[in-house]
Amino acid sequence: MAGQEESAHPEFWEKHHFWIRRLHSLMGVIPLGVFLVMHLMANASILGGAELFNASVERIHSLGPLLVPVEIVGIFIPLAFHILIGIKIVTTAKNNAGIYKYRANIRYTLQRISGVVATLFILYHLFHMHWIGRPLSFMGGAQFDPHNATESAAAAIQLHWIIAPIYALGVISTVYHFANGLWTFLITWGITVGQRAQRVAGGMCAALGVVLCIVGLAAVSGFRMYEVEENLVAPDAQAMSVQTESVAGGS
């Protein structure tokens, strides 16, 4: 019986591999890619000042009690599916970039590496900023307060010097994974047929990736440089700072 159960999973994967891969590709663009673009643009509104960013957050939270169901159905379920299938692909795919130095093979490898880095970053980001991290608030989770959006986001980024670089690396990895995935999506779904169409699409996707990277990194820089009033820093952040100073003073 155990042997039959173990063999069932590979059989299911092989039987439905075609449609699973295409659904995986689709989820990476819609809704996840669309959300990524909107999320980066909303965060970049910090460059226009605190009022503009606060207004963008208020528009999102105007959904009220519908916000959580929308997040679960529109983001978390597709994200979980995309990550799980991505893990399956990474653990079963063969990497030949070290043997054949072709651009496609290198891009293939970078797509897998960026996917792993992006996954780790997204999990950290959810812990760090989202309400999901609330049970671990004593460890620095759930730092973002939508009712005090700019101050809480900036305070969370400025809590430790390593956080901004983590976000910068996460933005670059996530954007590369999306931009390159968008290019392969167009090929996989038969939208770009022929080498010329694929080259044009590749250039457009690369340009989109560069723009999104600039937008995302500018947002990180904007929060990093924002002047946070000390009395408005998140209570958990203050507690962690006090604990750090106490340990340093006692050593």
Protein backbone atom coordinates (compact mmCIF):
# COMPACT_ATOMS: atom_id res chain seq x y z
CA MET A 1 0.00 0.00 0.00
CA ALA A 2 2.83 2.40 0.91
CA GLY A 3 4.55 1.74 -2.41
CA GLN A 4 1.30 2.46 -4.28
CA GLU A 5 0.87 5.78 -2.42
CA GLU A 6 4.46 6.84 -3.17
CA SER A 7 4.06 6.10 -6.87
CA ALA A 8 0.77 7.98 -7.09
CA HIS A 9 2.39 11.41 -6.78
CA PRO A 10 4.82 11.01 -9.71
CA GLU A 11 2.00 9.55 -11.81
CA PHE A 12 -0.25 12.52 -11.05
CA TRP A 13 2.56 14.96 -11.85
CA GLU A 14 3.38 13.24 -15.14
CA LYS A 15 -0.26 12.92 -16.11
CA HIS A 16 -1.15 16.55 -15.44
CA HIS A 17 2.28 18.10 -15.93
CA PHE A 18 1.24 20.11 -19.01
CA TRP A 19 -1.68 21.89 -17.36
CA ILE A 20 0.01 22.28 -13.96
CA ARG A 21 2.96 24.07 -15.56
CA ARG A 22 0.68 26.34 -17.53
CA LEU A 23 -1.44 27.17 -14.51
CA HIS A 24 1.78 27.84 -12.61
CA SER A 25 2.90 30.20 -15.37
CA LEU A 26 -0.49 31.94 -15.49
CA MET A 27 -0.61 32.45 -11.71
CA GLY A 28 2.82 34.09 -11.86
CA VAL A 29 1.43 36.77 -14.16
CA ILE A 30 -2.23 36.96 -13.12
CA PRO A 31 -2.82 37.71 -10.32
CA LEU A 32 0.68 37.71 -8.75
CA GLY A 33 2.48 39.78 -11.37
CA VAL A 34 -0.32 42.33 -11.50
CA PHE A 35 -0.27 42.60 -7.71
CA LEU A 36 3.52 43.03 -7.72
CA VAL A 37 3.32 45.97 -10.11
CA MET A 38 0.52 47.61 -8.10
CA HIS A 39 2.33 46.98 -4.80
CA LEU A 40 5.59 48.51 -6.01
CA MET A 41 3.79 51.52 -7.45
CA ALA A 42 1.85 52.05 -4.22
CA ASN A 43 5.03 51.85 -2.15
CA ALA A 44 6.84 54.24 -4.48
CA SER A 45 4.20 56.86 -3.70
CA ILE A 46 6.30 57.54 -0.58
CA LEU A 47 8.50 59.60 -2.92
CA GLY A 48 5.59 62.04 -3.23
CA GLY A 49 5.38 62.44 0.52
CA ALA A 50 3.67 60.87 3.51
CA GLU A 51 0.18 62.10 2.57
CA LEU A 52 0.32 60.47 -0.86
CA PHE A 53 1.46 57.13 0.54
CA ASN A 54 -1.12 57.26 3.33
CA ALA A 55 -3.81 57.92 0.72
CA SER A 56 -2.76 54.89 -1.34
CA VAL A 57 -2.93 52.70 1.77
CA GLU A 58 -6.35 54.10 2.67
CA ARG A 59 -7.68 53.21 -0.79
CA ILE A 60 -6.60 49.61 -0.29
CA HIS A 61 -8.06 49.37 3.21
CA SER A 62 -11.31 50.98 2.09
CA LEU A 63 -12.34 47.42 1.23
CA GLY A 64 -12.93 46.98 4.95
CA PRO A 65 -13.93 43.41 5.94
CA LEU A 66 -13.51 42.28 2.31
CA LEU A 67 -9.78 42.96 2.36
CA VAL A 68 -8.75 39.73 4.10
CA PRO A 69 -10.86 37.43 1.86
CA VAL A 70 -9.54 39.28 -1.21
CA GLU A 71 -5.97 38.78 0.03
CA ILE A 72 -6.53 35.09 0.70
CA VAL A 73 -8.26 34.29 -2.59
CA GLY A 74 -6.45 36.73 -4.84
CA ILE A 75 -2.93 36.60 -3.41
CA PHE A 76 -2.17 33.94 -0.80
CA ILE A 77 -3.74 30.91 -2.51
CA PRO A 78 -2.18 31.68 -5.92
CA LEU A 79 1.13 32.46 -4.18
CA ALA A 80 1.09 29.18 -2.26
CA PHE A 81 0.33 27.25 -5.46
CA HIS A 82 3.06 29.07 -7.38
CA ILE A 83 5.63 28.46 -4.64
CA LEU A 84 4.78 24.77 -4.16
CA ILE A 85 4.91 24.01 -7.89
CA GLY A 86 8.06 26.12 -8.13
CA ILE A 87 9.70 23.98 -5.45
CA LYS A 88 8.72 20.88 -7.40
CA ILE A 89 10.25 22.33 -10.57
CA VAL A 90 13.47 23.42 -8.84
CA THR A 91 13.99 20.07 -7.11
CA THR A 92 13.36 17.99 -10.24
CA ALA A 93 14.85 20.16 -13.01
CA LYS A 94 18.33 19.57 -14.39
CA ASN A 95 20.73 22.51 -14.39
CA ASN A 96 23.03 22.56 -17.42
CA ALA A 97 24.15 26.19 -17.26
CA GLY A 98 27.55 25.06 -16.02
CA ILE A 99 28.01 22.83 -19.05
CA TYR A 100 26.51 24.94 -21.84
CA LYS A 101 27.16 28.66 -21.52
CA TYR A 102 24.15 29.62 -23.60
CA ARG A 103 22.15 32.69 -22.61
CA ALA A 104 18.94 30.68 -22.32
CA ASN A 105 20.53 28.21 -19.92
CA ILE A 106 21.94 30.98 -17.74
CA ARG A 107 18.55 32.70 -17.73
CA TYR A 108 16.94 29.37 -16.83
CA THR A 109 19.27 29.01 -13.84
CA LEU A 110 18.80 32.61 -12.72
CA GLN A 111 15.04 32.12 -12.85
CA ARG A 112 15.33 29.24 -10.37
CA ILE A 113 17.75 31.08 -8.09
CA SER A 114 15.68 34.28 -8.12
CA GLY A 115 12.58 32.20 -7.36
CA VAL A 116 14.19 30.78 -4.22
CA VAL A 117 15.44 34.19 -3.07
CA ALA A 118 12.07 35.82 -3.85
CA THR A 119 10.22 33.14 -1.88
CA LEU A 120 12.40 33.65 1.19
CA PHE A 121 12.02 37.41 0.89
CA ILE A 122 8.23 37.25 0.53
CA LEU A 123 7.96 35.07 3.63
CA TYR A 124 10.15 37.53 5.53
CA HIS A 125 8.17 40.49 4.20
CA LEU A 126 4.89 38.94 5.33
CA PHE A 127 6.35 38.30 8.78
CA HIS A 128 7.91 41.76 8.98
CA MET A 129 5.06 43.95 7.72
CA HIS A 130 1.82 41.99 7.39
CA TRP A 131 -0.73 41.09 10.04
CA ILE A 132 0.30 37.47 9.53
CA GLY A 133 3.39 38.25 11.61
CA ARG A 134 1.33 39.51 14.55
CA PRO A 135 1.82 36.34 16.67
CA LEU A 136 5.56 36.99 16.37
CA SER A 137 5.41 40.73 17.02
CA PHE A 138 7.80 40.25 19.96
CA MET A 139 10.40 39.20 17.35
CA GLY A 140 9.76 42.22 15.12
CA GLY A 141 6.76 40.92 13.19
CA ALA A 142 3.73 42.88 11.92
CA GLN A 143 5.47 46.24 12.10
CA PHE A 144 3.20 47.94 9.57
CA ASP A 145 0.20 49.87 10.88
CA PRO A 146 -2.23 50.96 8.12
CA HIS A 147 -3.56 53.70 10.42
CA ASN A 148 -0.05 55.13 10.72
CA ALA A 149 1.20 53.90 7.38
CA THR A 150 4.19 56.06 6.52
CA GLU A 151 5.68 56.29 9.99
CA SER A 152 5.28 52.59 10.77
CA ALA A 153 6.66 51.44 7.38
CA ALA A 154 9.65 53.77 7.60
CA ALA A 155 10.32 52.79 11.22
CA ALA A 156 10.23 49.10 10.26
CA ILE A 157 12.75 49.62 7.44
CA GLN A 158 15.01 51.68 9.70
CA LEU A 159 14.84 49.27 12.64
CA HIS A 160 18.21 47.73 11.67
CA TRP A 161 20.76 48.57 8.99
CA ILE A 162 20.43 45.11 7.37
CA ILE A 163 16.70 45.44 6.63
CA ALA A 164 17.01 47.89 3.72
CA PRO A 165 19.60 45.71 1.90
CA ILE A 166 17.35 42.67 2.45
CA TYR A 167 14.48 44.54 0.83
CA ALA A 168 16.71 45.72 -2.03
CA LEU A 169 17.84 42.16 -2.76
CA GLY A 170 14.26 40.94 -2.44
CA VAL A 171 12.96 43.56 -4.88
CA ILE A 172 15.64 42.75 -7.47
CA SER A 173 15.07 38.99 -7.21
CA THR A 174 11.28 39.24 -7.28
CA VAL A 175 11.24 41.66 -10.22
CA TYR A 176 13.72 39.57 -12.22
CA HIS A 177 11.68 36.44 -11.55
CA PHE A 178 8.51 38.19 -12.72
CA ALA A 179 10.02 39.87 -15.80
CA ASN A 180 11.74 36.73 -17.03
CA GLY A 181 8.69 34.65 -16.12
CA LEU A 182 6.51 37.02 -18.13
CA TRP A 183 8.71 36.43 -21.17
CA THR A 184 8.47 32.63 -20.81
CA PHE A 185 4.71 32.98 -20.17
CA LEU A 186 4.29 34.64 -23.57
CA ILE A 187 6.17 31.75 -25.19
CA THR A 188 4.46 29.00 -23.18
CA TRP A 189 0.99 30.27 -24.02
CA GLY A 190 1.79 30.72 -27.71
CA ILE A 191 1.46 34.51 -27.64
CA THR A 192 4.93 35.12 -29.08
CA VAL A 193 5.63 32.73 -31.92
CA GLY A 194 8.91 32.90 -33.81
CA GLN A 195 12.38 34.14 -32.84
CA ARG A 196 11.80 37.77 -33.85
CA ALA A 197 8.62 38.07 -31.76
CA GLN A 198 10.39 36.45 -28.82
CA ARG A 199 13.37 38.82 -29.11
CA VAL A 200 11.06 41.84 -29.15
CA ALA A 201 9.09 40.50 -26.19
CA GLY A 202 12.34 39.74 -24.38
CA GLY A 203 13.49 43.34 -24.78
CA MET A 204 10.14 44.68 -23.59
CA CYS A 205 10.11 42.38 -20.55
CA ALA A 206 13.69 43.37 -19.72
CA ALA A 207 12.76 47.06 -19.96
CA LEU A 208 9.75 46.47 -17.72
CA GLY A 209 12.01 44.70 -15.22
CA VAL A 210 14.45 47.61 -15.15
CA VAL A 211 11.63 50.11 -14.59
CA LEU A 212 10.09 48.03 -11.80
CA CYS A 213 13.50 47.60 -10.16
CA ILE A 214 14.02 51.35 -10.17
CA VAL A 215 10.54 51.90 -8.75
CA GLY A 216 10.99 49.25 -6.03
CA LEU A 217 14.48 50.36 -5.01
CA ALA A 218 13.36 53.99 -4.96
CA ALA A 219 10.55 53.01 -2.58
CA VAL A 220 13.00 51.23 -0.26
CA SER A 221 15.26 54.28 -0.34
CA GLY A 222 12.31 56.57 0.32
CA PHE A 223 11.35 54.70 3.49
CA ARG A 224 15.00 54.41 4.51
CA MET A 225 15.52 58.18 4.25
CA TYR A 226 12.18 59.24 5.73
CA GLU A 227 12.58 61.07 9.03
CA VAL A 228 10.65 59.14 11.64
CA GLU A 229 9.60 60.91 14.81
CA GLU A 230 11.03 58.96 17.71
CA ASN A 231 7.79 58.95 19.68
CA LEU A 232 5.92 57.50 16.68
CA VAL A 233 8.20 54.52 16.13
CA ALA A 234 6.34 51.23 16.53
CA PRO A 235 6.30 50.12 20.21
CA ASP A 236 7.83 46.75 19.36
CA ALA A 237 10.64 48.49 17.49
CA GLN A 238 11.32 50.70 20.51
CA ALA A 239 11.32 47.68 22.80
CA MET A 240 13.80 45.86 20.59
CA SER A 241 16.01 48.96 20.49
CA VAL A 242 15.94 49.26 24.28
CA GLN A 243 16.78 45.58 24.68
CA THR A 244 19.70 45.92 22.28
CA GLU A 245 21.04 48.94 24.16
CA SER A 246 20.66 47.12 27.49
CA VAL A 247 22.57 44.11 26.24
CA ALA A 248 25.28 46.34 24.76
CA GLY A 249 25.55 48.33 28.00
CA GLY A 250 25.84 45.20 30.10
CA SER A 251 28.50 43.55 27.97
